[in-house]
Amino acid sequence: MLRKILSVMMCASLPMACWSWGSGFYVGGGMGADTTDYYIKSYIKQDPSQQKFSVINILDGGAAQGIFGTLFGGYSIIRQAFYFAGEANYNGSTAAYTTTNNEFDHSTFQSSDTRMKMIPNWGLSLIPGWFMFQDSALIYGRVGYAGSVFRVDTSDTSLADITHTISGFRYGAGIEKRVYKNLGLRFEYNHIIYASSTIYHVDASNGAITPKQTVIIPQTNQFEFGLVYRFC
């Protein structure tokens, strides 16, 4: 009898600790800040019978900063203090990286802009975790697949626009806090390493055939604040 009374008193003083987390489906949405770094390596080489022009240019393009929104859904399995889920997500972002090239070609000034963007972004993840703070909070990690449409738009006539679908590896960690019945808040950090995207282009604008090859490797950081609804 005393044990039952103490249990009721604990539930009254710590209601969140008495909520049950059940296995089942969940959905949610969120937003936050993201950055994308572009590592760029360019090869420009003419045929030896022409001007024998050869250049290798390596550029760490810096970070494109923006705001992203996400929708996600998944299914969780809970066994005592352990948590495991599979989740799918779909993101959109405002982050874009723009470079400007100013040059003189035989005393003629030319200016061009090149804009790179990852839009949209999607993925599938496995999420292991465990419960802490009297089961009121979930600490978890994330590993999985990420995909995106990588787009390059340029006004440089010696280059070409591209649209590539690329894949990547996503990993991160987060915490979810139960706030009211089936609702929870989560904060999460993710890092995505994408496969390289290679651009081939042949420039004949200066009268000589000049093959150009550019390899671009994007990497994205995401800081997400989200709302989770669990159907259990």
Protein backbone atom coordinates (compact mmCIF):
# COMPACT_ATOMS: atom_id res chain seq x y z
CA MET A 1 0.00 0.00 0.00
CA LEU A 2 2.77 2.40 0.89
CA ARG A 3 4.47 1.62 -2.43
CA LYS A 4 1.32 2.55 -4.37
CA ILE A 5 0.97 5.82 -2.47
CA LEU A 6 4.62 6.74 -3.19
CA SER A 7 4.12 5.90 -6.87
CA VAL A 8 1.08 8.20 -7.11
CA MET A 9 3.00 11.00 -5.35
CA MET A 10 5.91 10.64 -7.79
CA CYS A 11 3.56 10.81 -10.78
CA ALA A 12 1.96 13.93 -9.40
CA SER A 13 5.29 15.67 -8.86
CA LEU A 14 7.00 14.35 -12.03
CA PRO A 15 4.22 13.73 -14.57
CA MET A 16 6.59 13.49 -17.51
CA ALA A 17 8.44 10.60 -15.89
CA CYS A 18 5.17 8.60 -15.76
CA TRP A 19 4.30 8.95 -19.44
CA SER A 20 4.89 5.77 -21.38
CA TRP A 21 6.87 5.70 -24.62
CA GLY A 22 5.39 3.08 -26.92
CA SER A 23 6.57 1.49 -30.14
CA GLY A 24 4.83 2.79 -33.25
CA PHE A 25 4.69 5.34 -36.03
CA TYR A 26 5.61 9.01 -35.66
CA VAL A 27 5.71 12.12 -37.85
CA GLY A 28 7.13 15.59 -37.44
CA GLY A 29 8.61 18.72 -38.88
CA GLY A 30 11.29 21.22 -38.06
CA MET A 31 13.57 23.97 -39.20
CA GLY A 32 16.99 25.35 -38.48
CA ALA A 33 20.27 26.64 -39.85
CA ASP A 34 22.45 24.82 -42.33
CA THR A 35 25.79 25.39 -44.05
CA THR A 36 27.31 23.71 -47.11
CA ASP A 37 31.04 23.71 -47.86
CA TYR A 38 32.23 23.14 -51.44
CA TYR A 39 35.65 21.65 -52.17
CA ILE A 40 36.42 22.40 -55.84
CA LYS A 41 39.25 21.05 -58.00
CA SER A 42 39.48 22.19 -61.64
CA TYR A 43 41.61 20.84 -64.49
CA ILE A 44 42.15 22.89 -67.67
CA LYS A 45 44.46 21.46 -70.32
CA GLN A 46 44.85 22.19 -74.02
CA ASP A 47 46.19 19.86 -76.65
CA PRO A 48 50.02 20.20 -76.98
CA SER A 49 49.59 21.12 -80.65
CA GLN A 50 47.80 24.31 -79.58
CA GLN A 51 48.91 26.72 -76.86
CA LYS A 52 50.01 24.04 -74.36
CA PHE A 53 47.92 25.70 -71.66
CA SER A 54 47.62 23.58 -68.50
CA VAL A 55 46.18 24.61 -65.09
CA ILE A 56 45.08 22.81 -61.93
CA ASN A 57 43.08 24.98 -59.53
CA ILE A 58 42.10 23.82 -56.01
CA LEU A 59 39.56 25.90 -54.08
CA ASP A 60 37.95 25.48 -50.68
CA GLY A 61 34.87 27.46 -51.55
CA GLY A 62 33.80 28.33 -48.03
CA ALA A 63 30.34 27.90 -46.58
CA ALA A 64 26.95 28.67 -48.06
CA GLN A 65 24.66 29.57 -45.16
CA GLY A 66 20.89 29.37 -45.06
CA ILE A 67 17.69 28.23 -43.36
CA PHE A 68 16.20 24.81 -44.00
CA GLY A 69 12.86 23.14 -43.29
CA THR A 70 12.27 19.42 -42.88
CA LEU A 71 9.41 16.90 -42.83
CA PHE A 72 10.02 13.42 -41.43
CA GLY A 73 8.29 10.22 -40.43
CA GLY A 74 9.30 6.86 -39.06
CA TYR A 75 8.61 3.80 -36.96
CA SER A 76 10.16 3.21 -33.54
CA ILE A 77 10.72 0.06 -31.47
CA ILE A 78 11.17 0.45 -27.71
CA ARG A 79 12.54 -2.22 -25.38
CA GLN A 80 12.89 -1.01 -21.80
CA ALA A 81 15.49 1.80 -21.88
CA PHE A 82 16.57 1.12 -25.46
CA TYR A 83 15.18 2.78 -28.59
CA PHE A 84 15.56 1.95 -32.29
CA ALA A 85 13.85 3.60 -35.27
CA GLY A 86 13.89 3.88 -39.03
CA GLU A 87 13.14 7.33 -40.42
CA ALA A 88 12.64 9.05 -43.78
CA ASN A 89 13.04 12.80 -44.27
CA TYR A 90 12.64 15.48 -46.93
CA ASN A 91 14.33 18.91 -46.67
CA GLY A 92 14.46 22.22 -48.50
CA SER A 93 17.08 24.93 -47.93
CA THR A 94 17.86 28.53 -48.87
CA ALA A 95 21.64 28.00 -48.70
CA ALA A 96 23.47 28.89 -51.93
CA TYR A 97 27.10 29.65 -52.76
CA THR A 98 28.00 32.28 -55.39
CA THR A 99 31.42 33.06 -56.82
CA THR A 100 32.30 36.02 -59.05
CA ASN A 101 35.12 35.88 -61.58
CA ASN A 102 36.59 39.15 -62.91
CA GLU A 103 39.27 38.95 -65.59
CA PHE A 104 40.92 40.83 -68.45
CA ASP A 105 41.21 39.00 -71.77
CA HIS A 106 43.41 41.01 -74.16
CA SER A 107 42.47 44.25 -72.36
CA THR A 108 38.75 43.34 -72.40
CA PHE A 109 37.15 43.17 -68.96
CA GLN A 110 34.79 40.25 -68.32
CA SER A 111 32.76 39.40 -65.23
CA SER A 112 30.76 36.22 -64.54
CA ASP A 113 28.91 34.62 -61.65
CA THR A 114 28.58 30.94 -60.73
CA ARG A 115 25.93 29.81 -58.25
CA MET A 116 25.89 26.38 -56.51
CA LYS A 117 22.94 25.00 -54.58
CA MET A 118 21.78 21.73 -52.98
CA ILE A 119 18.02 21.50 -53.39
CA PRO A 120 16.12 19.50 -52.28
CA ASN A 121 17.57 16.99 -49.80
CA TRP A 122 16.13 13.64 -48.70
CA GLY A 123 17.25 10.57 -46.77
CA LEU A 124 16.71 7.30 -44.91
CA SER A 125 18.24 6.79 -41.46
CA LEU A 126 18.65 4.30 -38.65
CA ILE A 127 18.31 5.85 -35.19
CA PRO A 128 19.52 4.01 -32.07
CA GLY A 129 18.98 5.64 -28.68
CA TRP A 130 18.30 5.27 -25.00
CA PHE A 131 16.13 7.00 -22.39
CA MET A 132 17.46 9.27 -19.68
CA PHE A 133 16.21 11.61 -16.92
CA GLN A 134 13.57 9.17 -15.60
CA ASP A 135 12.47 8.33 -19.17
CA SER A 136 11.40 11.90 -19.95
CA ALA A 137 14.11 12.42 -22.58
CA LEU A 138 15.52 10.36 -25.42
CA ILE A 139 19.20 10.62 -26.41
CA TYR A 140 19.90 9.22 -29.87
CA GLY A 141 22.35 8.93 -32.74
CA ARG A 142 21.74 8.79 -36.47
CA VAL A 143 23.39 7.10 -39.46
CA GLY A 144 22.02 6.77 -42.96
CA TYR A 145 21.75 7.68 -46.60
CA ALA A 146 21.24 11.20 -47.96
CA GLY A 147 20.46 12.34 -51.48
CA SER A 148 20.20 15.74 -53.11
CA VAL A 149 19.87 17.58 -56.40
CA PHE A 150 23.09 19.53 -56.95
CA ARG A 151 22.63 22.48 -59.29
CA VAL A 152 25.21 24.83 -60.83
CA ASP A 153 24.12 27.94 -62.78
CA THR A 154 26.78 30.11 -64.38
CA SER A 155 27.00 33.14 -66.65
CA ASP A 156 30.55 32.17 -67.67
CA THR A 157 30.32 31.23 -71.37
CA SER A 158 33.37 28.98 -71.04
CA LEU A 159 31.51 26.78 -68.52
CA ALA A 160 28.21 24.87 -68.50
CA ASP A 161 25.17 24.68 -66.22
CA ILE A 162 24.58 21.31 -64.57
CA THR A 163 21.95 19.47 -62.55
CA HIS A 164 23.17 16.26 -60.88
CA THR A 165 21.50 13.90 -58.40
CA ILE A 166 24.14 12.91 -55.86
CA SER A 167 24.27 10.58 -52.84
CA GLY A 168 25.88 10.98 -49.45
CA PHE A 169 26.40 9.59 -45.96
CA ARG A 170 24.58 11.26 -43.06
CA TYR A 171 25.42 10.98 -39.38
CA GLY A 172 24.45 12.96 -36.31
CA ALA A 173 23.03 13.01 -32.80
CA GLY A 174 20.14 14.61 -30.96
CA ILE A 175 17.84 14.74 -27.97
CA GLU A 176 14.03 14.50 -27.85
CA LYS A 177 12.07 15.79 -24.84
CA ARG A 178 8.50 14.71 -24.15
CA VAL A 179 6.47 17.87 -23.48
CA TYR A 180 2.78 16.92 -23.63
CA LYS A 181 1.12 13.52 -24.12
CA ASN A 182 2.12 12.42 -27.64
CA LEU A 183 4.15 15.56 -28.44
CA GLY A 184 7.88 15.99 -28.15
CA LEU A 185 10.53 18.56 -29.01
CA ARG A 186 13.86 17.58 -30.48
CA PHE A 187 17.17 19.27 -31.18
CA GLU A 188 19.57 17.58 -33.59
CA TYR A 189 22.88 18.08 -35.38
CA ASN A 190 23.73 16.32 -38.65
CA HIS A 191 26.70 16.20 -41.00
CA ILE A 192 26.36 14.98 -44.60
CA ILE A 193 29.31 14.02 -46.80
CA TYR A 194 28.29 13.82 -50.45
CA ALA A 195 29.98 11.94 -53.26
CA SER A 196 31.93 14.06 -55.73
CA SER A 197 30.19 15.56 -58.75
CA THR A 198 32.28 15.86 -61.94
CA ILE A 199 31.58 18.44 -64.65
CA TYR A 200 33.04 18.06 -68.16
CA HIS A 201 32.98 20.95 -70.64
CA VAL A 202 34.81 21.81 -73.87
CA ASP A 203 35.47 25.53 -74.34
CA ALA A 204 36.06 26.82 -77.87
CA SER A 205 35.30 30.48 -77.17
CA ASN A 206 38.92 31.66 -77.64
CA GLY A 207 39.46 29.79 -80.91
CA ALA A 208 41.30 26.87 -79.29
CA ILE A 209 39.70 23.65 -78.08
CA THR A 210 40.14 23.62 -74.28
CA PRO A 211 38.78 20.67 -72.26
CA LYS A 212 37.74 21.63 -68.73
CA GLN A 213 37.00 19.23 -65.90
CA THR A 214 35.75 20.31 -62.46
CA VAL A 215 35.29 18.02 -59.43
CA ILE A 216 33.06 19.38 -56.63
CA ILE A 217 32.59 17.72 -53.22
CA PRO A 218 29.83 19.26 -51.03
CA GLN A 219 29.55 18.75 -47.27
CA THR A 220 26.55 19.97 -45.27
CA ASN A 221 26.02 20.77 -41.56
CA GLN A 222 22.47 20.99 -40.20
CA PHE A 223 21.21 22.29 -36.84
CA GLU A 224 17.56 21.33 -36.47
CA PHE A 225 14.82 22.19 -33.97
CA GLY A 226 11.71 20.05 -34.51
CA LEU A 227 8.31 18.93 -33.24
CA VAL A 228 7.48 15.20 -33.06
CA TYR A 229 4.01 13.60 -32.85
CA ARG A 230 3.92 9.92 -31.82
CA PHE A 231 0.86 7.76 -32.49
CA CYS A 232 1.47 5.66 -29.37
